[in-house]
Protein backbone atom coordinates (compact mmCIF):
# COMPACT_ATOMS: atom_id res chain seq x y z
CA MET A 1 9.14 -5.47 -13.66
CA LYS A 2 5.68 -6.90 -13.08
CA ARG A 3 3.77 -5.36 -10.25
CA ARG A 4 3.15 -8.68 -8.55
CA ASP A 5 6.92 -9.10 -8.27
CA PHE A 6 7.38 -5.77 -6.48
CA THR A 7 7.58 -7.13 -2.93
CA ARG A 8 9.91 -10.02 -3.79
CA SER A 9 12.28 -7.82 -5.78
CA LEU A 10 12.60 -5.19 -3.07
CA LEU A 11 13.48 -7.82 -0.51
CA SER A 12 15.92 -9.70 -2.71
CA VAL A 13 18.38 -6.82 -3.30
CA PRO A 14 20.06 -4.26 -1.04
CA LEU A 15 17.78 -1.32 -0.30
CA ALA A 16 20.12 1.19 -1.93
CA ALA A 17 19.94 -0.77 -5.16
CA ALA A 18 16.19 -1.15 -4.90
CA ILE A 19 15.56 2.61 -4.86
CA PRO A 20 18.37 4.19 -6.92
CA ALA A 21 16.29 7.15 -8.10
CA VAL A 22 14.91 8.37 -4.78
CA PHE A 23 17.65 10.91 -4.13
CA GLU A 24 18.63 11.56 -7.75
CA GLY A 25 18.83 15.33 -8.11
CA ALA A 26 16.60 15.76 -5.10
CA VAL A 27 18.72 16.97 -2.20
CA LEU A 28 20.16 20.41 -2.68
CA ALA A 29 23.72 21.29 -3.49
CA GLU A 30 25.58 24.16 -1.88
CA SER A 31 24.30 26.46 -4.65
CA ASN A 32 21.08 26.83 -2.60
CA ALA A 33 19.04 26.05 -5.72
CA LEU A 34 15.73 24.40 -4.85
CA LEU A 35 15.30 21.51 -7.25
CA PRO A 36 11.97 19.83 -8.06
CA GLY A 37 11.08 17.22 -5.52
CA GLY A 38 7.41 16.41 -5.89
CA SER A 39 4.61 16.90 -3.38
CA ILE A 40 2.62 14.84 -0.90
CA THR A 41 -0.36 15.52 -3.16
CA ASP A 42 1.24 13.27 -5.78
CA VAL A 43 -0.16 10.42 -3.66
CA PRO A 44 -3.50 9.53 -5.30
CA GLY A 45 -6.48 10.34 -3.13
CA LEU A 46 -4.93 13.22 -1.19
CA LYS A 47 -5.53 16.95 -1.16
CA ALA A 48 -3.57 19.47 0.88
CA GLY A 49 -3.84 23.15 1.68
CA HIS A 50 -2.45 25.93 3.85
CA TYR A 51 -3.78 28.87 5.75
CA THR A 52 -1.15 31.47 6.70
CA LEU A 53 -2.02 34.27 9.09
CA LYS A 54 -1.12 37.80 8.01
CA GLU A 55 -0.67 39.37 11.44
CA ARG A 56 2.42 37.36 12.37
CA PRO A 57 4.27 34.29 11.04
CA THR A 58 2.07 31.30 11.86
CA GLY A 59 -0.51 29.10 10.18
CA CYS A 60 -1.73 25.58 9.59
CA THR A 61 -1.58 22.87 6.93
CA VAL A 62 -4.15 20.15 6.28
CA VAL A 63 -3.81 16.89 4.35
CA MET A 64 -7.24 15.51 3.44
CA CYS A 65 -8.57 12.16 2.29
CA GLU A 66 -12.32 12.60 2.20
CA LYS A 67 -12.90 8.93 1.39
CA GLY A 68 -10.83 7.89 4.38
CA ALA A 69 -7.23 6.78 4.88
CA VAL A 70 -5.72 4.16 7.17
CA ALA A 71 -3.46 6.07 9.51
CA ALA A 72 -0.96 5.76 12.36
CA VAL A 73 1.34 7.99 14.37
CA ASP A 74 4.72 7.78 16.06
CA VAL A 75 5.86 10.39 18.59
CA ARG A 76 9.57 10.50 19.48
CA GLY A 77 10.11 13.97 20.93
CA SER A 78 9.48 14.64 24.61
CA ALA A 79 7.46 17.86 24.28
CA PRO A 80 4.59 16.95 21.93
CA GLY A 81 1.26 18.67 21.41
CA THR A 82 -1.29 16.40 19.73
CA ARG A 83 -4.97 15.62 19.30
CA GLU A 84 -6.78 12.34 18.51
CA THR A 85 -3.60 10.27 18.47
CA ASP A 86 -4.83 7.56 20.85
CA LEU A 87 -7.39 6.34 18.33
CA LEU A 88 -4.54 5.65 15.87
CA ASN A 89 -3.27 2.86 18.11
CA PRO A 90 -3.71 -0.39 16.13
CA ILE A 91 -5.74 -1.98 18.94
CA ASN A 92 -8.39 0.78 18.86
CA ALA A 93 -11.59 0.59 16.84
CA VAL A 94 -11.52 3.51 14.39
CA GLN A 95 -9.70 2.35 11.26
CA GLU A 96 -9.54 5.48 9.11
CA VAL A 97 -9.02 9.22 9.32
CA ASN A 98 -10.44 11.93 7.08
CA ALA A 99 -7.70 14.52 7.49
CA ILE A 100 -4.55 15.28 9.44
CA LEU A 101 -3.67 18.78 10.59
CA LEU A 102 -0.26 20.31 11.22
CA SER A 103 -0.37 23.69 12.96
CA GLY A 104 1.63 26.44 14.54
CA GLY A 105 0.46 28.25 17.65
CA SER A 106 1.56 25.73 20.27
CA ALA A 107 -1.36 24.00 22.06
CA TYR A 108 -3.66 26.86 21.02
CA GLY A 109 -3.20 25.71 17.42
CA LEU A 110 -4.99 22.43 18.12
CA ASP A 111 -8.21 24.44 17.90
CA ALA A 112 -7.70 24.60 14.12
CA ALA A 113 -8.71 20.93 13.92
CA SER A 114 -12.25 21.95 14.88
CA GLY A 115 -12.48 23.94 11.67
CA VAL A 116 -11.29 20.93 9.68
CA MET A 117 -14.03 18.87 11.34
CA ARG A 118 -16.64 21.45 10.38
CA TYR A 119 -15.51 21.39 6.76
CA MET A 120 -15.55 17.60 6.66
CA GLU A 121 -19.00 17.40 8.20
CA GLU A 122 -20.29 19.81 5.56
CA HIS A 123 -18.93 17.41 2.95
CA ASP A 124 -20.39 14.34 4.66
CA ALA A 125 -16.98 12.84 5.41
CA GLY A 126 -16.38 11.05 8.69
CA PHE A 127 -17.12 8.09 10.91
CA ARG A 128 -20.79 7.27 10.42
CA ILE A 129 -22.83 7.09 13.58
CA GLY A 130 -26.53 7.71 14.16
CA GLY A 131 -27.85 10.16 11.62
CA GLY A 132 -24.57 11.83 10.75
CA VAL A 133 -20.79 11.67 10.64
CA VAL A 134 -17.99 12.38 13.09
CA PRO A 135 -14.90 13.48 11.10
CA ILE A 136 -11.66 11.94 12.39
CA VAL A 137 -8.98 14.62 12.37
CA PRO A 138 -5.76 13.93 14.29
CA ALA A 139 -3.46 16.92 14.71
CA ALA A 140 -0.03 18.00 15.92
CA ILE A 141 1.34 21.44 16.70
CA LEU A 142 4.67 23.22 16.89
CA MET A 143 5.73 26.09 19.10
CA ASP A 144 6.09 29.39 17.22
CA LEU A 145 4.66 31.80 19.79
CA GLY A 146 8.02 33.54 20.14
CA VAL A 147 8.13 34.51 16.46
CA GLY A 148 6.62 37.95 16.01
CA GLY A 149 4.48 37.83 19.13
CA PHE A 150 2.18 35.61 21.16
CA ARG A 151 -1.04 36.30 19.24
CA PRO A 152 -2.87 35.54 17.03
CA ARG A 153 -2.76 31.76 16.73
CA PRO A 154 -4.35 29.40 14.20
CA ASP A 155 -7.97 28.79 15.22
CA ALA A 156 -10.99 26.91 13.89
CA GLU A 157 -11.45 29.46 11.08
CA ALA A 158 -7.84 28.94 10.02
CA GLY A 159 -8.36 25.18 9.85
CA TYR A 160 -11.53 25.63 7.83
CA HIS A 161 -9.85 27.97 5.34
CA ALA A 162 -6.95 25.54 4.92
CA CYS A 163 -9.50 22.94 3.82
CA VAL A 164 -11.12 25.40 1.39
CA ALA A 165 -7.67 26.03 -0.11
CA ALA A 166 -6.82 22.33 -0.38
CA SER A 167 -6.25 20.81 -3.80
CA SER A 168 -4.51 17.87 -5.44
CA GLY A 169 -2.01 20.23 -7.07
CA PRO A 170 1.57 20.89 -5.88
CA LEU A 171 1.72 22.12 -2.29
CA ALA A 172 3.49 25.43 -1.64
CA GLU A 173 6.66 25.31 0.47
CA GLY A 174 8.62 27.68 2.69
CA ASN A 175 7.03 30.34 4.93
CA VAL A 176 3.51 28.97 4.59
CA GLY A 177 0.98 27.11 6.70
CA ALA A 178 2.40 25.24 9.67
CA GLY A 179 5.91 26.30 8.61
CA ALA A 180 5.24 30.05 8.56
CA GLY A 181 6.81 30.61 11.99
CA ALA A 182 9.21 27.66 12.02
CA THR A 183 12.84 28.17 13.03
CA VAL A 184 15.86 25.91 13.58
CA GLY A 185 19.23 25.95 15.35
CA LYS A 186 18.08 27.04 18.82
CA MET A 187 20.40 25.21 21.21
CA PHE A 188 22.31 28.45 21.85
CA GLY A 189 19.25 30.63 22.26
CA PRO A 190 17.02 32.62 19.89
CA LYS A 191 19.80 35.06 18.98
CA TYR A 192 21.43 32.44 16.77
CA ARG A 193 18.39 30.70 15.27
CA MET A 194 17.46 30.75 11.58
CA LYS A 195 14.25 30.76 9.57
CA SER A 196 12.93 27.38 8.50
CA GLY A 197 9.62 26.46 6.90
CA LEU A 198 7.52 23.71 5.41
CA GLY A 199 8.75 21.23 2.82
CA THR A 200 7.26 18.43 0.79
CA ALA A 201 8.56 15.69 -1.50
CA SER A 202 7.46 12.50 -3.21
CA VAL A 203 8.75 9.59 -5.24
CA LYS A 204 7.06 7.23 -7.69
CA ILE A 205 8.32 3.66 -7.28
CA GLY A 206 9.27 2.34 -10.70
CA ASP A 207 6.31 1.13 -12.75
CA THR A 208 4.42 -0.25 -9.74
CA GLY A 209 1.95 2.62 -9.52
CA ILE A 210 2.97 3.19 -5.89
CA VAL A 211 3.75 6.72 -4.69
CA VAL A 212 5.28 7.75 -1.37
CA GLY A 213 5.07 11.37 -0.26
CA ALA A 214 5.92 13.50 2.75
CA VAL A 215 5.20 16.94 4.16
CA VAL A 216 6.94 18.43 7.19
CA ALA A 217 7.10 21.64 9.19
CA VAL A 218 10.65 21.91 10.52
CA ASN A 219 10.93 23.72 13.85
CA ALA A 220 13.86 21.80 15.30
CA VAL A 221 16.18 22.74 18.14
CA GLY A 222 19.01 21.14 16.14
CA ASP A 223 20.80 21.80 12.86
CA ILE A 224 19.59 20.63 9.44
CA ILE A 225 21.94 18.28 7.60
CA ASP A 226 22.13 17.38 3.91
CA PRO A 227 22.14 13.54 4.14
CA GLN A 228 24.10 13.27 0.88
CA THR A 229 27.04 15.42 1.98
CA GLY A 230 26.75 15.36 5.77
CA LYS A 231 27.09 19.16 5.75
CA ILE A 232 24.94 21.61 7.71
CA VAL A 233 22.62 23.53 5.40
CA CYS A 234 20.82 25.52 8.12
CA GLY A 235 21.18 25.78 11.88
CA ALA A 236 22.65 27.71 14.79
CA ARG A 237 24.56 30.68 13.44
CA SER A 238 28.16 31.33 14.41
CA GLU A 239 28.85 34.36 16.59
CA ASP A 240 30.39 36.29 13.69
CA GLY A 241 27.32 35.72 11.52
CA LYS A 242 29.16 33.62 8.96
CA GLY A 243 28.66 29.89 8.79
CA TYR A 244 27.32 27.60 11.49
CA ARG A 245 28.33 26.69 15.03
CA ASN A 246 27.76 22.94 14.52
CA THR A 247 25.59 22.16 17.51
CA MET A 248 26.72 18.56 17.95
CA ASN A 249 30.41 19.45 17.81
CA ALA A 250 29.81 22.00 20.56
CA ILE A 251 27.92 19.48 22.69
CA MET A 252 30.58 16.82 22.16
CA GLY A 253 33.18 19.36 23.21
CA GLY A 254 31.43 20.00 26.50
CA TYR A 255 30.03 23.40 25.63
CA ARG A 256 27.40 24.46 28.18
CA VAL A 257 24.17 25.17 26.33
CA VAL A 258 20.92 26.61 27.65
CA PRO A 259 18.04 25.52 25.40
CA SER A 260 14.51 26.87 25.46
CA PRO A 261 12.29 24.02 26.73
CA GLY A 262 9.24 23.24 24.61
CA ALA A 263 9.98 25.88 21.98
CA ASN A 264 10.59 23.50 19.12
CA THR A 265 9.13 20.40 17.35
CA THR A 266 9.22 18.95 13.85
CA ILE A 267 5.83 17.63 12.73
CA GLY A 268 5.19 15.74 9.53
CA ILE A 269 3.14 13.27 7.53
CA VAL A 270 4.20 10.45 5.22
CA ALA A 271 1.65 8.99 2.85
CA THR A 272 1.29 6.29 0.23
CA ASN A 273 -1.40 4.83 -1.98
CA ALA A 274 -0.20 1.29 -1.21
CA PRO A 275 -2.79 -0.57 0.91
CA PHE A 276 -1.72 -1.30 4.49
CA THR A 277 -3.30 -2.08 7.86
CA LYS A 278 -3.10 0.22 10.88
CA THR A 279 -0.38 -1.98 12.36
CA GLU A 280 1.68 -1.77 9.17
CA MET A 281 1.19 2.00 8.96
CA ASN A 282 2.42 2.24 12.55
CA LYS A 283 5.66 0.57 11.49
CA ILE A 284 5.98 2.93 8.51
CA ALA A 285 5.53 5.91 10.84
CA GLN A 286 8.27 4.51 13.10
CA MET A 287 10.69 3.96 10.23
CA SER A 288 10.01 7.43 8.86
CA HIS A 289 11.70 8.91 11.93
CA ASP A 290 14.96 7.70 10.40
CA GLY A 291 14.43 10.57 7.96
CA TYR A 292 14.39 12.97 10.89
CA ALA A 293 17.58 11.44 12.27
CA ARG A 294 19.39 11.76 8.94
CA ALA A 295 18.50 15.41 8.41
CA ILE A 296 18.25 16.88 11.94
CA ASN A 297 21.03 16.82 14.55
CA PRO A 298 20.36 16.55 17.45
CA VAL A 299 16.82 15.19 17.10
CA HIS A 300 14.11 13.69 19.37
CA THR A 301 15.31 15.81 22.27
CA MET A 302 13.60 16.75 25.52
CA TYR A 303 12.84 20.10 23.89
CA ASP A 304 11.21 18.78 20.69
CA GLY A 305 7.81 17.16 20.22
CA ASP A 306 8.83 15.32 17.05
CA THR A 307 5.80 13.56 15.56
CA ILE A 308 5.11 11.73 12.29
CA PHE A 309 1.73 10.59 11.01
CA ALA A 310 1.47 7.94 8.29
CA MET A 311 -1.46 7.64 5.86
CA SER A 312 -2.51 5.03 3.28
CA THR A 313 -5.19 5.91 0.74
CA LYS A 314 -5.28 2.21 -0.32
CA LEU A 315 -5.80 3.12 -3.99
CA ALA A 316 -2.88 1.16 -5.47
CA SER A 317 -3.71 -2.21 -7.03
CA VAL A 318 -0.51 -3.87 -5.81
CA LYS A 319 0.35 -5.07 -2.32
CA ALA A 320 3.70 -3.60 -1.26
CA ASP A 321 6.18 -4.63 1.41
CA VAL A 322 5.93 -2.61 4.61
CA THR A 323 9.70 -2.63 5.21
CA ALA A 324 10.47 -1.29 1.74
CA ILE A 325 7.85 1.45 1.93
CA GLY A 326 8.98 2.42 5.43
CA ALA A 327 12.57 2.73 4.23
CA ILE A 328 11.52 4.80 1.23
CA ALA A 329 9.33 7.01 3.43
CA ALA A 330 12.37 7.81 5.59
CA VAL A 331 14.32 8.91 2.51
CA VAL A 332 11.46 11.06 1.22
CA MET A 333 10.98 12.61 4.66
CA SER A 334 14.66 13.57 4.94
CA ARG A 335 14.40 15.14 1.52
CA ALA A 336 11.32 17.16 2.55
CA ILE A 337 13.16 18.42 5.65
CA VAL A 338 16.03 19.81 3.59
CA ARG A 339 13.55 21.37 1.16
CA ALA A 340 11.77 23.05 4.09
CA VAL A 341 14.82 25.10 5.05
CA MET A 342 15.94 25.72 1.47
CA ALA A 343 12.50 27.06 0.50
CA ALA A 344 12.24 29.39 3.51
CA ASP A 345 12.53 33.17 3.19
CA SER A 346 14.31 35.47 5.64
CA ILE A 347 12.35 37.76 7.98
CA PRO A 348 14.81 40.64 8.52
CA ALA A 349 12.51 42.49 10.92
CA LEU A 350 12.76 39.54 13.31
CA ASP A 351 16.48 38.91 12.67
CA LEU A 352 15.67 35.55 11.09
CA PRO A 353 17.87 34.88 8.08
CA ALA A 354 17.09 31.94 5.83
CA CYS A 355 19.89 29.78 4.51
CA ARG A 356 19.39 31.06 0.95
CA ASN A 357 20.43 34.54 2.16
CA TYR A 358 22.96 33.57 4.80
CA PRO A 359 26.71 34.04 4.17
CA LYS A 360 28.66 30.78 4.23
CA GLU A 361 32.16 30.42 5.56
């Protein structure tokens, strides 16, 4: 296929036929084996890194584009914690960001973005004004203060060190960075929750040169679903410690649940090297939430701050269709969500089993 025909071909066939290889061997079987799935750093122009605190499970993750990336954001949960998201509105003046930060630590974790700004200023990356630069670093946080204590939280030094660690190589997954203190399956209280983490995935679109990647820290109140099988792979544990409660079945049956308000949130980033405007990236961010809906149930609740950023490094030589890339981004995001729980490790001292160690029914 010629690259100039990419947009026409994707619109002229059903989406499933247009992207047959996206899920091939990517979502995990019941064997709990974590198969290769790529990394957000496969997107040309991006670097990413983690900083994980040693004192308790928490940390932050940065995705950097020192030369600038067109970016947008879409927030669907009702308990978000964010920074610099207003400037991503398509009607506002700033067109590019230099990095995006995902962090644990609840609202305290937003301080880590200051360290990312310091690193970027040292490398002369940012919005040029006067005699210097102002780095543009949007951020989102998740609530992990109930995992191993209330302190410490990611701070400016943590954000700075995540930048120092950033590279274009494969990004580590599991109990690292923003996913270090992530948990899922909390509708029935912390007694039945399970350890989650951070996941990443990517796909190369045929011979077009276009890459779509995702990274996500999964701290959802709901269960995690394998979109291929529809089965729960991680979530609220059953009372006997074997298998899962199935949160939605319990809700549909009228079960009275008492959630923990504000103690959740799934935060992620989708990225591509295909060139898009801020308005188009906003649509891609919106469509990427379909990936959340396929892999998390329930999702976008009053107790989650579900947020997705979208980035374009603009380095591809072909103009792609926004609808096709948005649809692909949703698939890659759902894949990264499943990888996040499958890559996580148990923390026995906190009674937080991971699905790889949890007995199935």
